[in-house]
PDB file of N, CA and C in Angstrom:
ATOM      1  N   MET A   1     101.612 292.864 -21.581  1.00  0.00           N
ATOM      2  CA  MET A   1     101.356 294.193 -21.043  1.00  0.00           C
ATOM      3  C   MET A   1     102.705 294.929 -21.057  1.00  0.00           C
ATOM      4  N   ILE A   2     102.669 296.143 -21.476  1.00  0.00           N
ATOM      5  CA  ILE A   2     103.820 297.000 -21.472  1.00  0.00           C
ATOM      6  C   ILE A   2     103.560 298.177 -20.499  1.00  0.00           C
ATOM      7  N   TRP A   3     104.424 298.383 -19.536  1.00  0.00           N
ATOM      8  CA  TRP A   3     104.270 299.466 -18.597  1.00  0.00           C
ATOM      9  C   TRP A   3     104.670 300.773 -19.235  1.00  0.00           C
ATOM     10  N   LYS A   4     103.850 301.789 -18.999  1.00  0.00           N
ATOM     11  CA  LYS A   4     104.109 303.112 -19.580  1.00  0.00           C
ATOM     12  C   LYS A   4     105.331 303.784 -18.967  1.00  0.00           C
ATOM     13  N   ASP A   5     105.643 303.474 -17.744  1.00  0.00           N
ATOM     14  CA  ASP A   5     106.804 304.044 -17.025  1.00  0.00           C
ATOM     15  C   ASP A   5     107.882 302.963 -16.962  1.00  0.00           C
ATOM     16  N   SER A   6     108.918 303.133 -17.765  1.00  0.00           N
ATOM     17  CA  SER A   6     110.038 302.190 -17.765  1.00  0.00           C
ATOM     18  C   SER A   6     111.353 302.943 -17.919  1.00  0.00           C
ATOM     19  N   PHE A   7     112.306 302.495 -17.144  1.00  0.00           N
ATOM     20  CA  PHE A   7     113.681 303.052 -17.227  1.00  0.00           C
ATOM     21  C   PHE A   7     113.683 304.592 -17.108  1.00  0.00           C
ATOM     22  N   GLY A   8     112.853 305.125 -16.287  1.00  0.00           N
ATOM     23  CA  GLY A   8     112.788 306.565 -16.105  1.00  0.00           C
ATOM     24  C   GLY A   8     112.060 307.338 -17.115  1.00  0.00           C
ATOM     25  N   ALA A   9     111.475 306.689 -18.111  1.00  0.00           N
ATOM     26  CA  ALA A   9     110.720 307.336 -19.172  1.00  0.00           C
ATOM     27  C   ALA A   9     109.231 307.021 -19.046  1.00  0.00           C
ATOM     28  N   SER A  10     108.389 308.003 -19.383  1.00  0.00           N
ATOM     29  CA  SER A  10     106.943 307.785 -19.438  1.00  0.00           C
ATOM     30  C   SER A  10     106.568 307.709 -20.862  1.00  0.00           C
ATOM     31  N   LEU A  11     106.194 306.536 -21.353  1.00  0.00           N
ATOM     32  CA  LEU A  11     105.918 306.304 -22.761  1.00  0.00           C
ATOM     33  C   LEU A  11     104.496 306.846 -23.136  1.00  0.00           C
ATOM     34  N   THR A  12     104.441 307.514 -24.195  1.00  0.00           N
ATOM     35  CA  THR A  12     103.168 307.951 -24.755  1.00  0.00           C
ATOM     36  C   THR A  12     102.543 306.834 -25.543  1.00  0.00           C
ATOM     37  N   ASP A  13     101.253 306.977 -25.902  1.00  0.00           N
ATOM     38  CA  ASP A  13     100.602 306.022 -26.721  1.00  0.00           C
ATOM     39  C   ASP A  13     101.314 305.855 -28.067  1.00  0.00           C
ATOM     40  N   ALA A  14     101.772 306.975 -28.638  1.00  0.00           N
ATOM     41  CA  ALA A  14     102.505 306.938 -29.908  1.00  0.00           C
ATOM     42  C   ALA A  14     103.776 306.185 -29.783  1.00  0.00           C
ATOM     43  N   ALA A  15     104.509 306.387 -28.666  1.00  0.00           N
ATOM     44  CA  ALA A  15     105.750 305.686 -28.453  1.00  0.00           C
ATOM     45  C   ALA A  15     105.570 304.156 -28.293  1.00  0.00           C
ATOM     46  N   ILE A  16     104.488 303.791 -27.608  1.00  0.00           N
ATOM     47  CA  ILE A  16     104.163 302.344 -27.472  1.00  0.00           C
ATOM     48  C   ILE A  16     103.789 301.744 -28.762  1.00  0.00           C
ATOM     49  N   ALA A  17     103.042 302.461 -29.589  1.00  0.00           N
ATOM     50  CA  ALA A  17     102.628 301.985 -30.915  1.00  0.00           C
ATOM     51  C   ALA A  17     103.853 301.751 -31.773  1.00  0.00           C
ATOM     52  N   TYR A  18     104.821 302.699 -31.722  1.00  0.00           N
ATOM     53  CA  TYR A  18     106.115 302.598 -32.487  1.00  0.00           C
ATOM     54  C   TYR A  18     106.877 301.381 -31.972  1.00  0.00           C
ATOM     55  N   LEU A  19     106.943 301.211 -30.679  1.00  0.00           N
ATOM     56  CA  LEU A  19     107.695 300.100 -30.073  1.00  0.00           C
ATOM     57  C   LEU A  19     107.090 298.783 -30.531  1.00  0.00           C
ATOM     58  N   LEU A  20     105.780 298.663 -30.551  1.00  0.00           N
ATOM     59  CA  LEU A  20     105.125 297.426 -30.982  1.00  0.00           C
ATOM     60  C   LEU A  20     105.366 297.171 -32.515  1.00  0.00           C
ATOM     61  N   LYS A  21     105.377 298.205 -33.290  1.00  0.00           N
ATOM     62  CA  LYS A  21     105.578 298.065 -34.693  1.00  0.00           C
ATOM     63  C   LYS A  21     107.007 297.715 -35.075  1.00  0.00           C
ATOM     64  N   HIS A  22     107.972 298.429 -34.461  1.00  0.00           N
ATOM     65  CA  HIS A  22     109.413 298.314 -34.830  1.00  0.00           C
ATOM     66  C   HIS A  22     110.252 297.521 -33.865  1.00  0.00           C
ATOM     67  N   GLY A  23     109.709 297.169 -32.708  1.00  0.00           N
ATOM     68  CA  GLY A  23     110.490 296.408 -31.762  1.00  0.00           C
ATOM     69  C   GLY A  23     111.415 297.217 -30.838  1.00  0.00           C
ATOM     70  N   ARG A  24     111.426 298.531 -31.089  1.00  0.00           N
ATOM     71  CA  ARG A  24     112.273 299.418 -30.269  1.00  0.00           C
ATOM     72  C   ARG A  24     111.747 300.837 -30.399  1.00  0.00           C
ATOM     73  N   THR A  25     112.030 301.674 -29.440  1.00  0.00           N
ATOM     74  CA  THR A  25     111.604 303.098 -29.487  1.00  0.00           C
ATOM     75  C   THR A  25     112.641 303.887 -30.234  1.00  0.00           C
ATOM     76  N   ALA A  26     112.286 305.123 -30.457  1.00  0.00           N
ATOM     77  CA  ALA A  26     113.247 306.127 -30.994  1.00  0.00           C
ATOM     78  C   ALA A  26     114.233 306.446 -29.850  1.00  0.00           C
ATOM     79  N   LEU A  27     115.268 307.185 -30.094  1.00  0.00           N
ATOM     80  CA  LEU A  27     116.202 307.562 -29.044  1.00  0.00           C
ATOM     81  C   LEU A  27     115.490 308.358 -27.954  1.00  0.00           C
ATOM     82  N   MET A  28     115.838 308.060 -26.705  1.00  0.00           N
ATOM     83  CA  MET A  28     115.233 308.697 -25.574  1.00  0.00           C
ATOM     84  C   MET A  28     116.297 308.876 -24.504  1.00  0.00           C
ATOM     85  N   ARG A  29     116.014 309.771 -23.572  1.00  0.00           N
ATOM     86  CA  ARG A  29     116.855 309.852 -22.340  1.00  0.00           C
ATOM     87  C   ARG A  29     116.261 308.939 -21.328  1.00  0.00           C
ATOM     88  N   LEU A  30     117.021 307.960 -20.869  1.00  0.00           N
ATOM     89  CA  LEU A  30     116.565 306.919 -19.965  1.00  0.00           C
ATOM     90  C   LEU A  30     117.458 306.834 -18.751  1.00  0.00           C
ATOM     91  N   VAL A  31     117.059 306.076 -17.769  1.00  0.00           N
ATOM     92  CA  VAL A  31     117.830 305.838 -16.591  1.00  0.00           C
ATOM     93  C   VAL A  31     118.213 304.356 -16.520  1.00  0.00           C
ATOM     94  N   ASP A  32     119.570 304.072 -16.465  1.00  0.00           N
ATOM     95  CA  ASP A  32     119.999 302.611 -16.484  1.00  0.00           C
ATOM     96  C   ASP A  32     119.866 302.048 -15.086  1.00  0.00           C
ATOM     97  N   GLU A  33     120.301 300.779 -14.981  1.00  0.00           N
ATOM     98  CA  GLU A  33     120.166 300.044 -13.718  1.00  0.00           C
ATOM     99  C   GLU A  33     120.974 300.655 -12.611  1.00  0.00           C
ATOM    100  N   GLN A  34     122.037 301.431 -12.884  1.00  0.00           N
ATOM    101  CA  GLN A  34     122.893 302.047 -11.904  1.00  0.00           C
ATOM    102  C   GLN A  34     122.390 303.474 -11.535  1.00  0.00           C
ATOM    103  N   GLY A  35     121.244 303.878 -12.157  1.00  0.00           N
ATOM    104  CA  GLY A  35     120.698 305.165 -11.875  1.00  0.00           C
ATOM    105  C   GLY A  35     121.279 306.325 -12.686  1.00  0.00           C
ATOM    106  N   ARG A  36     122.143 306.011 -13.706  1.00  0.00           N
ATOM    107  CA  ARG A  36     122.688 307.049 -14.544  1.00  0.00           C
ATOM    108  C   ARG A  36     121.759 307.353 -15.694  1.00  0.00           C
ATOM    109  N   THR A  37     121.720 308.646 -16.070  1.00  0.00           N
ATOM    110  CA  THR A  37     120.960 309.061 -17.222  1.00  0.00           C
ATOM    111  C   THR A  37     121.761 308.782 -18.482  1.00  0.00           C
ATOM    112  N   VAL A  38     121.145 308.022 -19.453  1.00  0.00           N
ATOM    113  CA  VAL A  38     121.829 307.646 -20.675  1.00  0.00           C
ATOM    114  C   VAL A  38     120.879 307.913 -21.855  1.00  0.00           C
ATOM    115  N   GLU A  39     121.468 308.030 -23.029  1.00  0.00           N
ATOM    116  CA  GLU A  39     120.659 308.083 -24.212  1.00  0.00           C
ATOM    117  C   GLU A  39     120.616 306.724 -24.847  1.00  0.00           C
ATOM    118  N   GLY A  40     119.398 306.267 -25.180  1.00  0.00           N
ATOM    119  CA  GLY A  40     119.298 304.930 -25.702  1.00  0.00           C
ATOM    120  C   GLY A  40     117.843 304.679 -26.229  1.00  0.00           C
ATOM    121  N   ARG A  41     117.561 303.434 -26.408  1.00  0.00           N
ATOM    122  CA  ARG A  41     116.249 302.958 -26.854  1.00  0.00           C
ATOM    123  C   ARG A  41     115.752 301.886 -25.904  1.00  0.00           C
ATOM    124  N   LEU A  42     114.439 301.762 -25.842  1.00  0.00           N
ATOM    125  CA  LEU A  42     113.826 300.638 -25.175  1.00  0.00           C
ATOM    126  C   LEU A  42     113.555 299.625 -26.252  1.00  0.00           C
ATOM    127  N   VAL A  43     113.904 298.366 -25.955  1.00  0.00           N
ATOM    128  CA  VAL A  43     113.759 297.270 -26.917  1.00  0.00           C
ATOM    129  C   VAL A  43     112.757 296.303 -26.324  1.00  0.00           C
ATOM    130  N   LEU A  44     111.801 295.837 -27.103  1.00  0.00           N
ATOM    131  CA  LEU A  44     110.851 294.833 -26.701  1.00  0.00           C
ATOM    132  C   LEU A  44     111.548 293.491 -26.742  1.00  0.00           C
ATOM    133  N   GLN A  45     111.990 293.076 -25.572  1.00  0.00           N
ATOM    134  CA  GLN A  45     112.733 291.823 -25.478  1.00  0.00           C
ATOM    135  C   GLN A  45     111.835 290.581 -25.609  1.00  0.00           C
ATOM    136  N   ASP A  46     110.677 290.631 -25.030  1.00  0.00           N
ATOM    137  CA  ASP A  46     109.780 289.483 -25.150  1.00  0.00           C
ATOM    138  C   ASP A  46     108.350 289.974 -25.370  1.00  0.00           C
ATOM    139  N   PRO A  47     107.839 289.838 -26.586  1.00  0.00           N
ATOM    140  CA  PRO A  47     106.487 290.347 -26.931  1.00  0.00           C
ATOM    141  C   PRO A  47     105.387 289.616 -26.137  1.00  0.00           C
ATOM    142  N   ASN A  48     105.654 288.386 -25.673  1.00  0.00           N
ATOM    143  CA  ASN A  48     104.653 287.660 -24.909  1.00  0.00           C
ATOM    144  C   ASN A  48     104.460 288.198 -23.515  1.00  0.00           C
ATOM    145  N   THR A  49     105.515 288.733 -22.928  1.00  0.00           N
ATOM    146  CA  THR A  49     105.405 289.256 -21.550  1.00  0.00           C
ATOM    147  C   THR A  49     105.440 290.781 -21.489  1.00  0.00           C
ATOM    148  N   GLY A  50     105.852 291.407 -22.592  1.00  0.00           N
ATOM    149  CA  GLY A  50     106.034 292.853 -22.590  1.00  0.00           C
ATOM    150  C   GLY A  50     107.324 293.333 -21.972  1.00  0.00           C
ATOM    151  N   GLN A  51     108.225 292.364 -21.724  1.00  0.00           N
ATOM    152  CA  GLN A  51     109.487 292.680 -21.071  1.00  0.00           C
ATOM    153  C   GLN A  51     110.322 293.616 -21.976  1.00  0.00           C
ATOM    154  N   LEU A  52     110.866 294.686 -21.400  1.00  0.00           N
ATOM    155  CA  LEU A  52     111.651 295.646 -22.119  1.00  0.00           C
ATOM    156  C   LEU A  52     113.098 295.565 -21.621  1.00  0.00           C
ATOM    157  N   ARG A  53     114.007 295.963 -22.458  1.00  0.00           N
ATOM    158  CA  ARG A  53     115.381 296.128 -22.012  1.00  0.00           C
ATOM    159  C   ARG A  53     115.916 297.452 -22.557  1.00  0.00           C
ATOM    160  N   LEU A  54     116.901 297.960 -21.937  1.00  0.00           N
ATOM    161  CA  LEU A  54     117.566 299.210 -22.303  1.00  0.00           C
ATOM    162  C   LEU A  54     118.692 298.909 -23.308  1.00  0.00           C
ATOM    163  N   GLU A  55     118.704 299.648 -24.420  1.00  0.00           N
ATOM    164  CA  GLU A  55     119.781 299.505 -25.375  1.00  0.00           C
ATOM    165  C   GLU A  55     120.485 300.895 -25.414  1.00  0.00           C
ATOM    166  N   PRO A  56     121.543 301.089 -24.669  1.00  0.00           N
ATOM    167  CA  PRO A  56     122.226 302.367 -24.686  1.00  0.00           C
ATOM    168  C   PRO A  56     122.930 302.608 -26.036  1.00  0.00           C
ATOM    169  N   VAL A  57     123.047 303.911 -26.372  1.00  0.00           N
ATOM    170  CA  VAL A  57     123.746 304.274 -27.546  1.00  0.00           C
ATOM    171  C   VAL A  57     125.226 304.432 -27.221  1.00  0.00           C
ATOM    172  N   SER A  58     126.037 303.789 -27.942  1.00  0.00           N
ATOM    173  CA  SER A  58     127.508 303.907 -27.685  1.00  0.00           C
ATOM    174  C   SER A  58     128.016 305.258 -28.152  1.00  0.00           C
ATOM    175  N   SER A  59     128.892 305.860 -27.425  1.00  0.00           N
ATOM    176  CA  SER A  59     129.372 307.160 -27.798  1.00  0.00           C
ATOM    177  C   SER A  59     130.786 307.072 -28.245  1.00  0.00           C
TER     178      SER A  59
END
């Protein structure tokens, strides 16, 4: 199961389909564990559990 609301983003059906196909989303504005807004991708860390992780873009 993948939650539609993760890391401050609300994923659309299209974004979830892309995530399942490619293992990560396109670039998005997300909220990290410290509450900061960052640009990055959601990565499907474990397809069996639907666990996601944040992959920030280095600047």
